[in-house]
N, C-alpha and C. Protein backbone atom coordinates (compact mmCIF):
# COMPACT_ATOMS: atom_id res chain seq x y z
N UNK A 1 8.26 -12.28 20.18
CA UNK A 1 8.28 -12.91 18.87
C UNK A 1 6.85 -13.00 18.34
N UNK A 2 6.64 -12.56 17.11
CA UNK A 2 5.32 -12.60 16.51
C UNK A 2 5.16 -13.91 15.75
N UNK A 3 3.94 -14.41 15.73
CA UNK A 3 3.67 -15.67 15.05
C UNK A 3 4.03 -15.56 13.58
N UNK A 4 4.56 -16.62 13.05
CA UNK A 4 4.88 -16.68 11.63
C UNK A 4 3.70 -17.31 10.91
N UNK A 5 3.05 -16.56 10.02
CA UNK A 5 1.91 -17.12 9.31
C UNK A 5 2.34 -18.25 8.37
N UNK A 6 1.38 -19.08 7.99
CA UNK A 6 1.69 -20.21 7.13
C UNK A 6 1.89 -19.78 5.68
N UNK A 7 1.58 -18.55 5.36
CA UNK A 7 1.76 -18.09 3.99
C UNK A 7 2.94 -17.13 3.90
N UNK A 8 3.46 -16.98 2.71
CA UNK A 8 4.58 -16.08 2.47
C UNK A 8 4.07 -14.65 2.37
N UNK A 9 4.65 -13.75 3.15
CA UNK A 9 4.20 -12.36 3.18
C UNK A 9 5.18 -11.46 2.45
N UNK A 10 4.66 -10.51 1.70
CA UNK A 10 5.49 -9.55 0.98
C UNK A 10 6.03 -8.47 1.91
N UNK A 11 5.22 -8.08 2.91
CA UNK A 11 5.61 -7.05 3.86
C UNK A 11 5.78 -7.68 5.24
N UNK A 12 6.81 -7.25 5.96
CA UNK A 12 6.99 -7.77 7.32
C UNK A 12 5.96 -7.13 8.25
N UNK A 13 5.92 -7.58 9.48
CA UNK A 13 4.91 -7.10 10.44
C UNK A 13 4.96 -5.59 10.62
N UNK A 14 6.14 -5.04 10.81
CA UNK A 14 6.25 -3.59 11.02
C UNK A 14 5.77 -2.81 9.80
N UNK A 15 6.10 -3.30 8.60
CA UNK A 15 5.65 -2.63 7.38
C UNK A 15 4.12 -2.68 7.27
N UNK A 16 3.53 -3.83 7.58
CA UNK A 16 2.07 -3.97 7.50
C UNK A 16 1.38 -3.05 8.51
N UNK A 17 1.92 -2.97 9.72
CA UNK A 17 1.35 -2.07 10.73
C UNK A 17 1.40 -0.63 10.23
N UNK A 18 2.53 -0.23 9.68
CA UNK A 18 2.67 1.14 9.18
C UNK A 18 1.68 1.42 8.04
N UNK A 19 1.51 0.46 7.14
CA UNK A 19 0.56 0.64 6.04
C UNK A 19 -0.86 0.79 6.57
N UNK A 20 -1.24 -0.04 7.54
CA UNK A 20 -2.57 0.06 8.13
C UNK A 20 -2.75 1.38 8.87
N UNK A 21 -1.73 1.80 9.61
CA UNK A 21 -1.82 3.06 10.35
C UNK A 21 -2.04 4.23 9.39
N UNK A 22 -1.28 4.26 8.31
CA UNK A 22 -1.43 5.34 7.34
C UNK A 22 -2.80 5.31 6.67
N UNK A 23 -3.26 4.13 6.30
CA UNK A 23 -4.53 4.01 5.59
C UNK A 23 -5.73 4.31 6.47
N UNK A 24 -5.60 4.12 7.78
CA UNK A 24 -6.74 4.32 8.68
C UNK A 24 -6.61 5.56 9.56
N UNK A 25 -5.61 6.39 9.33
CA UNK A 25 -5.35 7.53 10.22
C UNK A 25 -6.51 8.52 10.27
N UNK A 26 -7.35 8.56 9.26
CA UNK A 26 -8.48 9.50 9.23
C UNK A 26 -9.72 8.95 9.93
N UNK A 27 -9.67 7.73 10.41
CA UNK A 27 -10.83 7.09 11.04
C UNK A 27 -10.69 7.19 12.56
N UNK A 28 -11.65 7.85 13.22
CA UNK A 28 -11.55 7.98 14.68
C UNK A 28 -11.67 6.62 15.38
N UNK A 29 -11.02 6.51 16.50
CA UNK A 29 -11.08 5.31 17.35
C UNK A 29 -10.48 4.06 16.73
N UNK A 30 -9.64 4.22 15.72
CA UNK A 30 -8.95 3.06 15.14
C UNK A 30 -7.52 3.06 15.64
N UNK A 31 -7.10 1.91 16.12
CA UNK A 31 -5.76 1.75 16.64
C UNK A 31 -5.19 0.48 16.00
N UNK A 32 -3.99 0.56 15.49
CA UNK A 32 -3.33 -0.60 14.86
C UNK A 32 -2.25 -1.08 15.82
N UNK A 33 -2.31 -2.38 16.16
CA UNK A 33 -1.36 -2.94 17.11
C UNK A 33 -0.83 -4.28 16.61
N UNK A 34 0.38 -4.60 17.06
CA UNK A 34 0.96 -5.93 16.81
C UNK A 34 0.63 -6.79 18.01
N UNK A 35 0.33 -8.05 17.75
CA UNK A 35 0.13 -8.99 18.84
C UNK A 35 0.52 -10.38 18.35
N UNK A 36 0.62 -11.28 19.28
CA UNK A 36 1.00 -12.65 18.95
C UNK A 36 -0.08 -13.58 19.49
N UNK A 37 -0.32 -14.66 18.80
CA UNK A 37 -1.28 -15.65 19.29
C UNK A 37 -2.63 -15.53 18.62
N UNK A 38 -3.63 -16.07 19.29
CA UNK A 38 -4.98 -16.11 18.75
C UNK A 38 -5.65 -14.74 18.84
N UNK A 39 -6.30 -14.35 17.77
CA UNK A 39 -7.00 -13.07 17.73
C UNK A 39 -8.07 -12.99 18.81
N UNK A 40 -8.82 -14.06 18.99
CA UNK A 40 -9.90 -14.05 19.98
C UNK A 40 -9.35 -13.90 21.41
N UNK A 41 -8.19 -14.46 21.66
CA UNK A 41 -7.56 -14.29 22.99
C UNK A 41 -7.08 -12.86 23.17
N UNK A 42 -6.50 -12.30 22.10
CA UNK A 42 -6.06 -10.91 22.18
C UNK A 42 -7.26 -9.99 22.40
N UNK A 43 -8.36 -10.26 21.71
CA UNK A 43 -9.58 -9.46 21.88
C UNK A 43 -10.02 -9.47 23.34
N UNK A 44 -9.99 -10.64 23.95
CA UNK A 44 -10.38 -10.73 25.37
C UNK A 44 -9.40 -9.96 26.25
N UNK A 45 -8.10 -10.09 25.97
CA UNK A 45 -7.07 -9.38 26.76
C UNK A 45 -7.30 -7.88 26.80
N UNK A 46 -7.72 -7.31 25.67
CA UNK A 46 -7.88 -5.85 25.61
C UNK A 46 -9.30 -5.41 25.95
N UNK A 47 -10.15 -6.37 26.30
CA UNK A 47 -11.51 -6.04 26.71
C UNK A 47 -12.49 -5.84 25.57
N UNK A 48 -12.17 -6.34 24.40
CA UNK A 48 -13.10 -6.23 23.26
C UNK A 48 -14.22 -7.25 23.40
N UNK A 49 -15.41 -6.84 23.05
CA UNK A 49 -16.55 -7.74 23.08
C UNK A 49 -16.80 -8.38 21.72
N UNK A 50 -16.24 -7.77 20.66
CA UNK A 50 -16.54 -8.18 19.30
C UNK A 50 -15.27 -8.18 18.46
N UNK A 51 -15.15 -9.16 17.58
CA UNK A 51 -14.14 -9.18 16.53
C UNK A 51 -14.88 -8.94 15.22
N UNK A 52 -14.41 -7.97 14.43
CA UNK A 52 -15.05 -7.62 13.16
C UNK A 52 -14.21 -8.17 12.02
N UNK A 53 -14.87 -8.86 11.10
CA UNK A 53 -14.19 -9.47 9.95
C UNK A 53 -14.94 -9.09 8.67
N UNK A 54 -14.25 -9.14 7.56
CA UNK A 54 -14.86 -8.87 6.26
C UNK A 54 -14.99 -10.14 5.45
N UNK A 55 -16.06 -10.23 4.68
CA UNK A 55 -16.31 -11.39 3.82
C UNK A 55 -16.40 -10.95 2.36
N UNK A 56 -15.73 -11.70 1.49
CA UNK A 56 -15.81 -11.41 0.06
C UNK A 56 -16.64 -12.44 -0.67
N UNK A 57 -16.57 -13.70 -0.25
CA UNK A 57 -17.17 -14.78 -1.04
C UNK A 57 -17.68 -15.89 -0.13
N UNK A 58 -18.26 -16.89 -0.77
CA UNK A 58 -18.72 -18.05 -0.03
C UNK A 58 -17.60 -18.75 0.69
N UNK A 59 -16.42 -18.79 0.08
CA UNK A 59 -15.26 -19.40 0.72
C UNK A 59 -14.93 -18.67 2.02
N UNK A 60 -14.94 -17.34 1.98
CA UNK A 60 -14.69 -16.56 3.20
C UNK A 60 -15.73 -16.88 4.26
N UNK A 61 -17.00 -17.01 3.83
CA UNK A 61 -18.06 -17.32 4.79
C UNK A 61 -17.81 -18.67 5.45
N UNK A 62 -17.48 -19.69 4.67
CA UNK A 62 -17.22 -21.02 5.22
C UNK A 62 -16.09 -20.97 6.24
N UNK A 63 -15.02 -20.30 5.89
CA UNK A 63 -13.86 -20.18 6.78
C UNK A 63 -14.25 -19.47 8.08
N UNK A 64 -14.91 -18.33 7.95
CA UNK A 64 -15.28 -17.54 9.13
C UNK A 64 -16.34 -18.26 9.97
N UNK A 65 -17.22 -19.02 9.34
CA UNK A 65 -18.23 -19.79 10.04
C UNK A 65 -17.57 -20.80 10.97
N UNK A 66 -16.61 -21.55 10.43
CA UNK A 66 -15.87 -22.51 11.26
C UNK A 66 -15.08 -21.82 12.35
N UNK A 67 -14.42 -20.72 11.98
CA UNK A 67 -13.61 -19.98 12.95
C UNK A 67 -14.48 -19.42 14.07
N UNK A 68 -15.69 -18.97 13.75
CA UNK A 68 -16.59 -18.42 14.76
C UNK A 68 -16.92 -19.47 15.82
N UNK A 69 -17.17 -20.70 15.38
CA UNK A 69 -17.48 -21.76 16.35
C UNK A 69 -16.26 -22.11 17.20
N UNK A 70 -15.10 -22.16 16.59
CA UNK A 70 -13.87 -22.44 17.35
C UNK A 70 -13.64 -21.33 18.37
N UNK A 71 -13.77 -20.08 17.93
CA UNK A 71 -13.57 -18.95 18.83
C UNK A 71 -14.57 -18.94 19.97
N UNK A 72 -15.82 -19.33 19.69
CA UNK A 72 -16.83 -19.35 20.75
C UNK A 72 -16.53 -20.44 21.78
N UNK A 73 -15.85 -21.49 21.37
CA UNK A 73 -15.41 -22.51 22.33
C UNK A 73 -14.27 -21.98 23.19
N UNK A 74 -13.35 -21.24 22.55
CA UNK A 74 -12.18 -20.72 23.27
C UNK A 74 -12.52 -19.53 24.17
N UNK A 75 -13.31 -18.61 23.65
CA UNK A 75 -13.67 -17.38 24.38
C UNK A 75 -15.13 -17.05 24.10
N UNK A 76 -16.06 -17.70 24.82
CA UNK A 76 -17.49 -17.56 24.51
C UNK A 76 -18.04 -16.14 24.65
N UNK A 77 -17.36 -15.29 25.41
CA UNK A 77 -17.89 -13.93 25.61
C UNK A 77 -17.48 -12.96 24.51
N UNK A 78 -16.64 -13.39 23.57
CA UNK A 78 -16.24 -12.53 22.45
C UNK A 78 -17.04 -12.94 21.22
N UNK A 79 -17.83 -12.01 20.68
CA UNK A 79 -18.66 -12.28 19.52
C UNK A 79 -17.94 -11.93 18.22
N UNK A 80 -18.46 -12.46 17.13
CA UNK A 80 -17.93 -12.18 15.80
C UNK A 80 -19.00 -11.45 15.00
N UNK A 81 -18.61 -10.37 14.33
CA UNK A 81 -19.48 -9.65 13.41
C UNK A 81 -18.78 -9.62 12.06
N UNK A 82 -19.51 -10.03 11.02
CA UNK A 82 -18.94 -10.04 9.67
C UNK A 82 -19.68 -9.05 8.78
N UNK A 83 -18.92 -8.34 7.97
CA UNK A 83 -19.48 -7.42 6.98
C UNK A 83 -19.18 -7.95 5.59
N UNK A 84 -20.17 -7.86 4.73
CA UNK A 84 -19.98 -8.24 3.33
C UNK A 84 -19.33 -7.08 2.60
N UNK A 85 -18.42 -7.41 1.69
CA UNK A 85 -17.77 -6.37 0.90
C UNK A 85 -18.70 -5.85 -0.17
N UNK A 86 -18.40 -4.68 -0.67
CA UNK A 86 -19.12 -4.12 -1.81
C UNK A 86 -18.87 -5.01 -3.03
N UNK A 87 -19.84 -5.08 -3.92
CA UNK A 87 -19.66 -5.85 -5.15
C UNK A 87 -18.47 -5.35 -5.96
N UNK A 88 -18.11 -4.09 -5.77
CA UNK A 88 -16.98 -3.52 -6.50
C UNK A 88 -15.66 -4.17 -6.13
N UNK A 89 -15.59 -4.81 -4.96
CA UNK A 89 -14.33 -5.35 -4.47
C UNK A 89 -14.37 -6.84 -4.17
N UNK A 90 -15.44 -7.52 -4.53
CA UNK A 90 -15.60 -8.92 -4.16
C UNK A 90 -14.48 -9.80 -4.75
N UNK A 91 -13.91 -9.41 -5.84
CA UNK A 91 -12.86 -10.19 -6.51
C UNK A 91 -11.46 -9.89 -6.00
N UNK A 92 -11.30 -8.86 -5.19
CA UNK A 92 -9.98 -8.39 -4.77
C UNK A 92 -9.41 -9.32 -3.69
N UNK A 93 -8.17 -9.74 -3.91
CA UNK A 93 -7.45 -10.52 -2.91
C UNK A 93 -6.01 -10.05 -2.91
N UNK A 94 -5.31 -10.30 -1.82
CA UNK A 94 -3.91 -9.89 -1.71
C UNK A 94 -3.07 -10.52 -2.81
N UNK A 95 -3.29 -11.79 -3.09
CA UNK A 95 -2.48 -12.46 -4.11
C UNK A 95 -2.72 -11.87 -5.50
N UNK A 96 -3.97 -11.55 -5.83
CA UNK A 96 -4.24 -10.91 -7.13
C UNK A 96 -3.64 -9.52 -7.20
N UNK A 97 -3.77 -8.74 -6.13
CA UNK A 97 -3.20 -7.40 -6.12
C UNK A 97 -1.69 -7.44 -6.31
N UNK A 98 -1.03 -8.36 -5.61
CA UNK A 98 0.43 -8.47 -5.75
C UNK A 98 0.82 -8.85 -7.17
N UNK A 99 0.09 -9.76 -7.75
CA UNK A 99 0.42 -10.18 -9.13
C UNK A 99 0.22 -9.05 -10.12
N UNK A 100 -0.89 -8.34 -10.02
CA UNK A 100 -1.16 -7.23 -10.92
C UNK A 100 -0.10 -6.14 -10.75
N UNK A 101 0.24 -5.80 -9.51
CA UNK A 101 1.26 -4.78 -9.26
C UNK A 101 2.61 -5.22 -9.79
N UNK A 102 2.96 -6.48 -9.57
CA UNK A 102 4.26 -7.01 -10.04
C UNK A 102 4.37 -6.91 -11.56
N UNK A 103 3.25 -7.09 -12.24
CA UNK A 103 3.25 -7.06 -13.70
C UNK A 103 2.96 -5.67 -14.27
N UNK A 104 2.90 -4.65 -13.39
CA UNK A 104 2.74 -3.27 -13.83
C UNK A 104 1.32 -2.81 -14.07
N UNK A 105 0.33 -3.60 -13.61
CA UNK A 105 -1.06 -3.20 -13.76
C UNK A 105 -1.44 -2.12 -12.75
N UNK A 106 -2.55 -1.47 -13.03
CA UNK A 106 -3.00 -0.36 -12.19
C UNK A 106 -3.92 -0.86 -11.08
N UNK A 107 -3.48 -0.79 -9.84
CA UNK A 107 -4.25 -1.23 -8.69
C UNK A 107 -4.76 -0.07 -7.84
N UNK A 108 -4.50 1.16 -8.30
CA UNK A 108 -4.76 2.34 -7.47
C UNK A 108 -6.22 2.54 -7.08
N UNK A 109 -7.17 2.01 -7.84
CA UNK A 109 -8.57 2.15 -7.46
C UNK A 109 -9.03 1.07 -6.49
N UNK A 110 -8.15 0.12 -6.19
CA UNK A 110 -8.53 -1.02 -5.36
C UNK A 110 -7.92 -1.01 -3.97
N UNK A 111 -6.94 -0.13 -3.73
CA UNK A 111 -6.26 -0.07 -2.44
C UNK A 111 -5.99 1.39 -2.09
N UNK A 112 -5.76 1.69 -0.81
CA UNK A 112 -5.38 3.05 -0.45
C UNK A 112 -4.09 3.47 -1.16
N UNK A 113 -3.91 4.77 -1.40
CA UNK A 113 -2.73 5.25 -2.14
C UNK A 113 -1.40 4.77 -1.56
N UNK A 114 -1.28 4.76 -0.23
CA UNK A 114 -0.01 4.35 0.37
C UNK A 114 0.28 2.86 0.11
N UNK A 115 -0.76 2.06 0.03
CA UNK A 115 -0.58 0.63 -0.23
C UNK A 115 -0.16 0.41 -1.68
N UNK A 116 -0.80 1.11 -2.61
CA UNK A 116 -0.40 1.01 -4.02
C UNK A 116 1.06 1.40 -4.18
N UNK A 117 1.45 2.50 -3.57
CA UNK A 117 2.83 2.97 -3.67
C UNK A 117 3.80 1.93 -3.09
N UNK A 118 3.46 1.35 -1.96
CA UNK A 118 4.33 0.35 -1.33
C UNK A 118 4.45 -0.90 -2.19
N UNK A 119 3.33 -1.33 -2.78
CA UNK A 119 3.38 -2.51 -3.65
C UNK A 119 4.23 -2.25 -4.88
N UNK A 120 4.01 -1.11 -5.54
CA UNK A 120 4.82 -0.78 -6.71
C UNK A 120 6.29 -0.68 -6.34
N UNK A 121 6.58 -0.14 -5.18
CA UNK A 121 7.96 0.00 -4.72
C UNK A 121 8.61 -1.37 -4.51
N UNK A 122 7.88 -2.31 -3.92
CA UNK A 122 8.42 -3.66 -3.71
C UNK A 122 8.79 -4.33 -5.02
N UNK A 123 8.00 -4.05 -6.05
CA UNK A 123 8.24 -4.68 -7.35
C UNK A 123 9.01 -3.79 -8.31
N UNK A 124 9.45 -2.63 -7.79
CA UNK A 124 10.23 -1.68 -8.57
C UNK A 124 9.52 -1.27 -9.86
N UNK A 125 8.19 -1.10 -9.74
CA UNK A 125 7.38 -0.61 -10.86
C UNK A 125 6.89 0.78 -10.51
N UNK A 126 7.04 1.73 -11.42
CA UNK A 126 6.54 3.07 -11.12
C UNK A 126 5.01 3.06 -11.13
N UNK A 127 4.43 3.92 -10.31
CA UNK A 127 2.98 4.05 -10.31
C UNK A 127 2.59 4.58 -11.69
N UNK A 128 1.59 3.97 -12.29
CA UNK A 128 1.19 4.34 -13.63
C UNK A 128 0.66 5.76 -13.66
N UNK A 129 1.11 6.52 -14.62
CA UNK A 129 0.69 7.92 -14.75
C UNK A 129 -0.44 8.02 -15.76
N UNK A 130 -1.44 8.86 -15.45
CA UNK A 130 -2.49 9.19 -16.41
C UNK A 130 -3.47 8.09 -16.72
N UNK A 131 -3.56 7.07 -15.90
CA UNK A 131 -4.55 6.01 -16.17
C UNK A 131 -5.64 6.03 -15.14
């Protein structure tokens, strides 16, 4: 049984794994897996030394800062590395993407093609042509 997140998800776990696999298939050494429980514990189980996270804003930094300290208490040998997003994508969030796609807006420059197609499909909106 996989953990149920506290937020409502548009795609189930298997759909999200498939979307990630398709979007990252061209990147060597990337593996997409399902797991349950704490990420830091899973990282230790598979022998990872580092968890990599992305930051968009100050809010993300605050959240990850607190999480880093909690994780270091739980698994001190697993480090956290954070990357800042490009300014081109600092405003992008899952909730905004879903809303724009639901209302028929063009999200194709903000997500991989397979993700745009899946979002449009969920909302029964055709991918915009010629924009």
